[in-house]
N, C-alpha and C. Protein backbone atom coordinates (compact mmCIF):
# COMPACT_ATOMS: atom_id res chain seq x y z
N MET A 1 13.49 -21.00 2.61
CA MET A 1 12.69 -21.35 1.80
C MET A 1 13.23 -20.52 0.30
N LYS A 2 12.95 -21.78 -0.67
CA LYS A 2 13.55 -21.40 -2.08
C LYS A 2 12.70 -20.20 -2.39
N LEU A 3 13.71 -19.28 -3.70
CA LEU A 3 12.56 -18.66 -4.52
C LEU A 3 11.59 -19.44 -5.28
N LYS A 4 12.14 -20.67 -5.78
CA LYS A 4 10.80 -21.31 -6.85
C LYS A 4 9.54 -21.87 -6.33
N THR A 5 10.35 -22.62 -4.81
CA THR A 5 8.69 -22.49 -4.04
C THR A 5 7.59 -21.27 -3.59
N LEU A 6 8.30 -20.22 -3.54
CA LEU A 6 7.26 -19.38 -3.15
C LEU A 6 6.29 -19.62 -4.39
N PRO A 7 4.96 -19.15 -3.56
CA PRO A 7 3.29 -18.61 -4.64
C PRO A 7 3.70 -17.61 -5.45
N TRP A 8 4.51 -17.49 -5.97
CA TRP A 8 4.64 -15.92 -6.69
C TRP A 8 3.08 -15.38 -7.34
N ILE A 9 2.36 -16.33 -7.70
CA ILE A 9 1.08 -15.83 -8.34
C ILE A 9 0.52 -15.52 -7.26
N ALA A 10 0.29 -15.71 -6.07
CA ALA A 10 -0.51 -15.38 -5.19
C ALA A 10 0.00 -13.94 -4.18
N ILE A 11 1.45 -14.03 -4.40
CA ILE A 11 1.90 -12.75 -3.94
C ILE A 11 1.61 -11.53 -5.25
N VAL A 12 2.05 -11.71 -5.83
CA VAL A 12 1.49 -10.54 -7.11
C VAL A 12 0.43 -10.37 -7.13
N ARG A 13 -0.51 -11.42 -7.13
CA ARG A 13 -2.13 -11.33 -7.29
C ARG A 13 -2.17 -10.11 -5.92
N SER A 14 -1.83 -10.74 -4.66
CA SER A 14 -1.99 -9.70 -3.92
C SER A 14 -1.84 -8.13 -4.00
N ALA A 15 -0.52 -8.34 -4.46
CA ALA A 15 0.10 -6.44 -4.34
C ALA A 15 -0.87 -6.00 -5.46
N ALA A 16 -0.76 -6.70 -6.72
CA ALA A 16 -1.17 -6.14 -7.64
C ALA A 16 -2.44 -5.33 -7.29
N LEU A 17 -3.82 -6.04 -6.46
CA LEU A 17 -4.85 -5.89 -6.45
C LEU A 17 -4.55 -4.86 -5.24
N THR A 18 -3.54 -4.89 -4.34
CA THR A 18 -3.50 -3.55 -3.41
C THR A 18 -3.03 -2.33 -3.75
N VAL A 19 -1.79 -2.47 -5.04
CA VAL A 19 -1.96 -1.43 -5.95
C VAL A 19 -3.44 -0.31 -6.77
N ILE A 20 -4.41 -1.44 -7.16
CA ILE A 20 -5.28 -1.21 -7.44
C ILE A 20 -5.89 -0.61 -7.04
N THR A 21 -6.59 -1.43 -5.46
CA THR A 21 -7.63 -0.86 -4.45
C THR A 21 -7.36 0.68 -4.21
N TRP A 22 -5.71 0.52 -3.88
CA TRP A 22 -4.83 2.39 -3.73
C TRP A 22 -5.61 3.23 -5.02
N ALA A 23 -5.33 3.03 -6.33
CA ALA A 23 -5.81 3.60 -6.90
C ALA A 23 -7.05 4.19 -7.37
N ILE A 24 -7.91 3.35 -6.52
CA ILE A 24 -9.41 3.95 -7.04
C ILE A 24 -9.64 4.14 -5.90
N VAL A 25 -9.11 4.10 -4.72
CA VAL A 25 -9.67 4.79 -3.90
C VAL A 25 -9.18 6.48 -3.72
N SER A 26 -7.63 6.65 -4.20
CA SER A 26 -7.17 7.48 -4.48
C SER A 26 -8.14 8.43 -5.35
N ALA A 27 -8.72 8.23 -6.83
CA ALA A 27 -9.46 8.71 -7.41
C ALA A 27 -11.03 8.90 -7.03
N ALA A 28 -11.13 8.00 -6.42
CA ALA A 28 -12.45 8.53 -5.66
C ALA A 28 -12.14 9.70 -5.07
N LEU A 29 -11.44 9.52 -3.61
CA LEU A 29 -11.21 10.73 -2.65
C LEU A 29 -10.42 12.01 -3.70
N TRP A 30 -10.23 11.50 -4.97
CA TRP A 30 -9.52 13.12 -5.63
C TRP A 30 -11.12 13.94 -6.12
N PHE A 31 -11.86 12.95 -6.76
CA PHE A 31 -13.02 13.41 -7.42
C PHE A 31 -14.13 14.15 -6.29
N ALA A 32 -14.04 13.49 -4.83
CA ALA A 32 -14.94 14.06 -3.58
C ALA A 32 -14.05 15.19 -3.40
N ALA A 33 -12.91 15.36 -3.34
CA ALA A 33 -12.54 16.41 -3.16
C ALA A 33 -12.76 17.86 -4.07
N GLN A 34 -12.46 17.48 -5.45
CA GLN A 34 -13.31 17.95 -6.32
C GLN A 34 -14.50 18.41 -6.50
N SER A 35 -15.05 17.68 -5.85
CA SER A 35 -16.60 18.29 -5.63
C SER A 35 -17.10 19.03 -4.84
N PHE A 36 -16.45 18.69 -3.60
CA PHE A 36 -16.40 19.66 -2.01
C PHE A 36 -15.21 20.25 -1.87
N PRO A 37 -15.12 21.62 -1.85
CA PRO A 37 -14.20 22.34 -1.12
C PRO A 37 -13.78 21.69 0.64
N ALA A 38 -14.71 22.07 1.32
CA ALA A 38 -14.74 21.17 2.60
C ALA A 38 -13.50 20.17 3.06
N ILE A 39 -13.82 18.70 1.95
CA ILE A 39 -12.92 17.25 1.20
C ILE A 39 -11.32 18.20 1.29
N GLU A 40 -11.10 19.08 0.72
CA GLU A 40 -10.29 19.59 -0.24
C GLU A 40 -9.52 20.23 0.72
N THR A 41 -9.55 21.02 1.85
CA THR A 41 -9.60 21.69 3.06
C THR A 41 -8.77 20.56 3.77
N VAL A 42 -9.47 19.97 4.07
CA VAL A 42 -9.23 19.03 4.99
C VAL A 42 -7.62 17.68 4.43
N PHE A 43 -7.80 17.64 3.14
CA PHE A 43 -6.63 16.87 2.70
C PHE A 43 -5.86 17.80 2.86
N SER A 44 -5.80 18.97 2.11
CA SER A 44 -4.71 19.98 2.10
C SER A 44 -3.94 20.40 3.79
N LEU A 45 -4.91 20.05 4.73
CA LEU A 45 -4.30 19.68 6.31
C LEU A 45 -3.89 18.79 6.47
N PHE A 46 -4.04 17.69 5.73
CA PHE A 46 -3.09 16.22 6.37
C PHE A 46 -1.98 16.37 5.22
N LEU A 47 -2.11 17.22 4.13
CA LEU A 47 -0.79 16.57 2.87
C LEU A 47 0.31 17.82 3.66
N ARG A 48 0.32 18.69 4.87
CA ARG A 48 1.11 19.34 5.09
C ARG A 48 2.08 18.77 6.05
N GLN A 49 3.21 19.39 6.47
CA GLN A 49 3.80 19.00 7.33
C GLN A 49 3.50 19.12 8.98
N PRO A 50 3.91 18.66 9.62
CA PRO A 50 4.21 17.61 9.80
C PRO A 50 2.96 16.33 9.42
N MET A 51 2.31 16.46 9.79
CA MET A 51 0.43 15.67 9.30
C MET A 51 1.00 14.75 8.01
N ASN A 52 1.80 15.27 7.16
CA ASN A 52 2.30 14.24 5.93
C ASN A 52 3.02 13.57 6.35
N LEU A 53 4.09 13.31 7.02
CA LEU A 53 4.69 11.89 8.07
C LEU A 53 4.03 10.88 8.05
N ILE A 54 2.84 11.70 9.03
CA ILE A 54 2.01 10.73 9.71
C ILE A 54 0.95 10.12 8.50
N SER A 55 0.90 10.95 8.00
CA SER A 55 -0.19 10.50 6.72
C SER A 55 0.82 9.10 5.49
N ASN A 56 1.33 9.56 5.84
CA ASN A 56 2.12 8.41 4.72
C ASN A 56 2.76 7.60 5.82
N LEU A 57 2.77 7.42 7.07
CA LEU A 57 3.16 6.23 7.39
C LEU A 57 1.78 5.51 7.77
N GLY A 58 0.32 6.16 7.88
CA GLY A 58 -0.75 5.66 7.93
C GLY A 58 -0.99 4.93 6.89
N ILE A 59 -0.95 5.48 6.02
CA ILE A 59 -1.10 4.94 4.58
C ILE A 59 -0.65 3.99 4.48
N GLY A 60 0.88 3.90 4.36
CA GLY A 60 1.93 2.43 4.13
C GLY A 60 1.40 1.33 4.78
N ILE A 61 1.09 1.84 6.22
CA ILE A 61 0.51 0.72 7.29
C ILE A 61 -0.69 -0.09 6.66
N LEU A 62 -2.10 1.07 6.33
CA LEU A 62 -3.29 0.49 5.74
C LEU A 62 -2.43 -0.41 4.19
N LEU A 63 -2.38 0.05 3.37
CA LEU A 63 -1.49 -1.00 2.21
C LEU A 63 -1.10 -2.34 2.70
N GLY A 64 -0.44 -2.09 3.70
CA GLY A 64 0.73 -3.31 4.02
C GLY A 64 -0.49 -4.44 4.73
N VAL A 65 -1.32 -3.70 5.40
CA VAL A 65 -2.81 -4.95 6.28
C VAL A 65 -3.44 -5.43 5.13
N LEU A 66 -3.68 -4.74 4.19
CA LEU A 66 -4.65 -4.78 3.12
C LEU A 66 -4.07 -5.97 2.17
N ALA A 67 -2.21 -5.91 2.06
CA ALA A 67 -1.66 -6.44 0.76
C ALA A 67 -1.49 -8.00 1.85
N PHE A 68 -1.38 -7.72 2.80
CA PHE A 68 -1.24 -9.31 3.96
C PHE A 68 -2.59 -9.94 3.63
N THR A 69 -3.80 -9.21 4.28
CA THR A 69 -5.29 -9.69 3.94
C THR A 69 -5.87 -10.67 2.95
N LEU A 70 -5.28 -9.81 1.61
CA LEU A 70 -5.72 -10.25 0.41
C LEU A 70 -4.63 -11.86 0.14
N LEU A 71 -3.73 -11.86 0.43
CA LEU A 71 -2.30 -12.34 0.03
C LEU A 71 -3.15 -14.08 1.54
N ASP A 72 -3.39 -13.34 2.95
CA ASP A 72 -3.74 -14.72 3.62
C ASP A 72 -5.23 -15.29 2.98
N ASN A 73 -6.25 -14.76 2.59
CA ASN A 73 -7.15 -15.73 1.93
C ASN A 73 -6.74 -16.23 1.30
N SER A 74 -5.63 -15.95 0.56
CA SER A 74 -5.55 -16.87 -0.52
C SER A 74 -4.63 -17.83 -0.85
N GLU A 75 -3.72 -17.96 0.33
CA GLU A 75 -2.62 -19.00 0.69
C GLU A 75 -2.82 -19.45 1.96
N GLY A 76 -2.55 -20.84 2.00
CA GLY A 76 -2.35 -22.10 3.73
C GLY A 76 -1.69 -20.97 4.45
N ARG A 77 -0.30 -21.80 4.45
CA ARG A 77 0.57 -21.41 5.50
C ARG A 77 1.62 -20.23 5.18
N LEU A 78 1.65 -19.04 5.74
CA LEU A 78 2.77 -18.14 5.29
C LEU A 78 3.84 -18.46 6.06
N THR A 79 4.69 -17.64 5.50
CA THR A 79 6.10 -18.11 6.30
C THR A 79 6.55 -16.35 5.92
N VAL A 80 7.99 -16.04 6.53
CA VAL A 80 8.69 -14.39 6.57
C VAL A 80 9.04 -14.41 5.44
N PRO A 81 9.88 -15.46 4.77
CA PRO A 81 10.09 -15.13 3.27
C PRO A 81 8.71 -14.58 2.49
N MET A 82 7.64 -15.14 2.79
CA MET A 82 6.77 -14.94 1.61
C MET A 82 6.35 -13.37 2.13
N MET A 83 6.48 -13.12 3.18
CA MET A 83 5.83 -11.51 3.72
C MET A 83 7.32 -10.78 2.98
N TRP A 84 8.58 -10.91 3.22
CA TRP A 84 9.31 -9.98 2.87
C TRP A 84 8.86 -9.64 1.30
N PHE A 85 8.62 -10.88 0.76
CA PHE A 85 8.48 -10.54 -0.91
C PHE A 85 7.32 -10.29 -1.22
N LEU A 86 6.31 -10.35 -0.40
CA LEU A 86 5.15 -9.12 -0.59
C LEU A 86 5.41 -7.90 -0.41
N VAL A 87 6.34 -7.06 0.33
CA VAL A 87 6.53 -6.47 0.54
C VAL A 87 6.94 -5.69 -0.54
N LEU A 88 8.50 -6.44 -0.71
CA LEU A 88 9.11 -6.14 -2.08
C LEU A 88 7.84 -5.98 -3.53
N ALA A 89 7.19 -6.87 -3.54
CA ALA A 89 6.05 -7.06 -4.86
C ALA A 89 5.15 -5.82 -4.61
N VAL A 90 4.43 -5.28 -3.25
CA VAL A 90 3.85 -4.14 -3.11
C VAL A 90 4.94 -2.74 -3.59
N THR A 91 5.81 -2.75 -3.21
CA THR A 91 7.14 -1.46 -3.66
C THR A 91 7.23 -1.04 -4.71
N VAL A 92 7.32 -2.93 -5.35
CA VAL A 92 7.46 -2.26 -7.03
C VAL A 92 6.09 -1.70 -7.47
N GLY A 93 5.17 -2.00 -6.96
CA GLY A 93 4.13 -2.30 -7.60
C GLY A 93 3.66 -0.48 -7.40
N MET A 94 3.81 -0.09 -5.83
CA MET A 94 3.69 1.30 -5.90
C MET A 94 4.62 2.54 -6.80
N VAL A 95 5.86 2.43 -6.48
CA VAL A 95 6.73 2.40 -7.36
C VAL A 95 6.77 2.94 -8.95
N PHE A 96 5.82 1.57 -9.98
CA PHE A 96 5.74 1.79 -10.63
C PHE A 96 4.19 2.40 -10.99
N TYR A 97 3.32 2.72 -10.10
CA TYR A 97 1.88 3.45 -10.06
C TYR A 97 2.55 4.97 -10.07
N GLU A 98 3.30 5.29 -8.97
CA GLU A 98 4.11 6.42 -8.57
C GLU A 98 4.57 7.55 -9.82
N TYR A 99 5.10 6.61 -11.02
CA TYR A 99 5.92 6.66 -11.80
C TYR A 99 5.40 6.55 -13.58
N VAL A 100 4.19 5.98 -13.43
CA VAL A 100 3.05 6.12 -14.37
C VAL A 100 3.13 7.51 -14.89
N PRO A 101 2.93 8.02 -16.71
CA PRO A 101 3.38 9.02 -17.20
C PRO A 101 1.56 9.48 -16.96
N ILE A 102 0.54 8.74 -16.92
CA ILE A 102 -0.56 9.52 -17.08
C ILE A 102 -0.64 9.62 -15.49
N ARG A 103 -0.97 10.50 -14.74
CA ARG A 103 -1.40 10.59 -13.42
C ARG A 103 -2.60 11.72 -13.23
N LEU A 104 -3.74 10.91 -13.08
CA LEU A 104 -4.52 12.35 -13.43
C LEU A 104 -4.93 12.98 -11.87
N TYR A 105 -4.78 11.98 -11.16
CA TYR A 105 -5.14 12.12 -9.78
C TYR A 105 -4.01 12.24 -8.72
N ARG A 106 -3.85 13.75 -8.55
CA ARG A 106 -2.21 14.08 -7.89
C ARG A 106 -2.55 14.38 -6.23
N LEU A 107 -3.76 14.60 -6.43
CA LEU A 107 -4.00 15.30 -5.11
C LEU A 107 -3.67 14.47 -3.57
N LEU A 108 -3.96 12.89 -3.92
CA LEU A 108 -4.01 12.07 -2.60
C LEU A 108 -2.88 11.35 -2.84
N ALA A 109 -2.32 11.13 -4.24
CA ALA A 109 -1.32 10.20 -4.41
C ALA A 109 0.09 10.50 -3.52
N VAL A 110 -0.16 10.11 -2.80
CA VAL A 110 1.18 9.65 -1.80
C VAL A 110 2.41 9.53 -2.23
N ASN A 111 3.29 10.16 -2.21
CA ASN A 111 4.83 10.02 -2.67
C ASN A 111 5.09 9.00 -2.20
N PHE A 112 5.44 7.91 -2.54
CA PHE A 112 6.14 6.34 -2.10
C PHE A 112 7.85 6.47 -2.03
N ASN A 113 7.47 6.94 -0.14
CA ASN A 113 8.91 7.68 0.36
C ASN A 113 9.13 6.55 1.71
N GLN A 114 10.20 6.73 2.45
CA GLN A 114 10.95 6.11 3.28
C GLN A 114 8.87 5.74 4.41
N PRO A 115 8.55 7.06 4.67
CA PRO A 115 7.63 6.69 5.51
C PRO A 115 6.43 5.61 5.45
N THR A 116 6.32 5.48 3.88
CA THR A 116 5.16 4.70 3.66
C THR A 116 6.13 3.75 3.16
N LEU A 117 6.96 3.32 2.64
CA LEU A 117 7.93 2.18 3.27
C LEU A 117 7.74 1.76 4.44
N VAL A 118 8.26 2.06 5.28
CA VAL A 118 8.24 1.61 6.58
C VAL A 118 6.91 0.69 7.36
N GLY A 119 5.92 2.24 7.14
CA GLY A 119 4.38 2.03 7.47
C GLY A 119 3.90 0.31 6.35
N LEU A 120 4.46 0.30 5.38
CA LEU A 120 4.40 -1.46 4.41
C LEU A 120 4.71 -2.33 5.36
N VAL A 121 6.08 -2.00 5.44
CA VAL A 121 6.89 -3.20 6.43
C VAL A 121 6.20 -3.68 7.66
N LEU A 122 5.91 -2.36 8.40
CA LEU A 122 4.94 -2.83 9.21
C LEU A 122 3.91 -3.01 9.79
N GLY A 123 2.81 -2.68 8.54
CA GLY A 123 1.58 -2.88 8.24
C GLY A 123 1.79 -4.66 8.06
N VAL A 124 2.33 -5.11 7.03
CA VAL A 124 2.49 -6.58 6.72
C VAL A 124 2.63 -7.78 7.85
N PHE A 125 4.06 -7.08 8.76
CA PHE A 125 4.84 -7.87 9.49
C PHE A 125 3.64 -7.67 11.33
N TRP A 126 3.01 -6.98 11.25
CA TRP A 126 2.12 -6.49 12.50
C TRP A 126 0.77 -7.51 11.93
N LYS A 127 0.73 -7.70 10.69
CA LYS A 127 -1.26 -8.73 10.82
C LYS A 127 -0.28 -9.69 10.83
N GLY A 128 0.62 -10.29 9.99
CA GLY A 128 1.14 -11.44 9.66
C GLY A 128 2.27 -11.94 10.94
N ARG A 129 1.75 -11.66 12.50
CA ARG A 129 2.81 -11.57 13.30
C ARG A 129 2.56 -13.15 13.87
N ARG A 130 1.30 -13.74 13.56
CA ARG A 130 1.02 -14.74 14.05
C ARG A 130 2.10 -16.24 12.97
N TYR A 131 2.52 -15.37 12.20
CA TYR A 131 3.03 -16.40 11.23
C TYR A 131 4.77 -16.33 11.50
N TRP A 132 5.67 -15.32 12.28
CA TRP A 132 6.54 -15.16 12.79
C TRP A 132 7.69 -16.51 13.04
N ARG A 133 6.79 -17.75 13.70
CA ARG A 133 7.50 -18.65 13.78
C ARG A 133 8.26 -20.12 12.59
């Protein structure tokens, strides 16, 4: 599949909605943790080693599944190159989100690292396994 024929608008829209959804969820959880100390205690347990690795992997899988679901609803027939470019678009969006200078909600802002990237790939390709052929 040529790069010109990929549905770039749908891929970028799906990636942007995924990153925006993650930002909203992260902000809501941050406000909940600030309001209720018990929630902050639970979050601090999940952000310590070794649960941090599992949390990052799980969040990556959720982001991948969400991104693919948003793309699947907007496009007819998906292909493997489209899934790889979706992973690339979400990765660029998450890296941009990580390094935006105005970071108000740092509590649950998971660093976009290798486990999160692996989870993102697993989530996209697990959800899109029917389109592999």
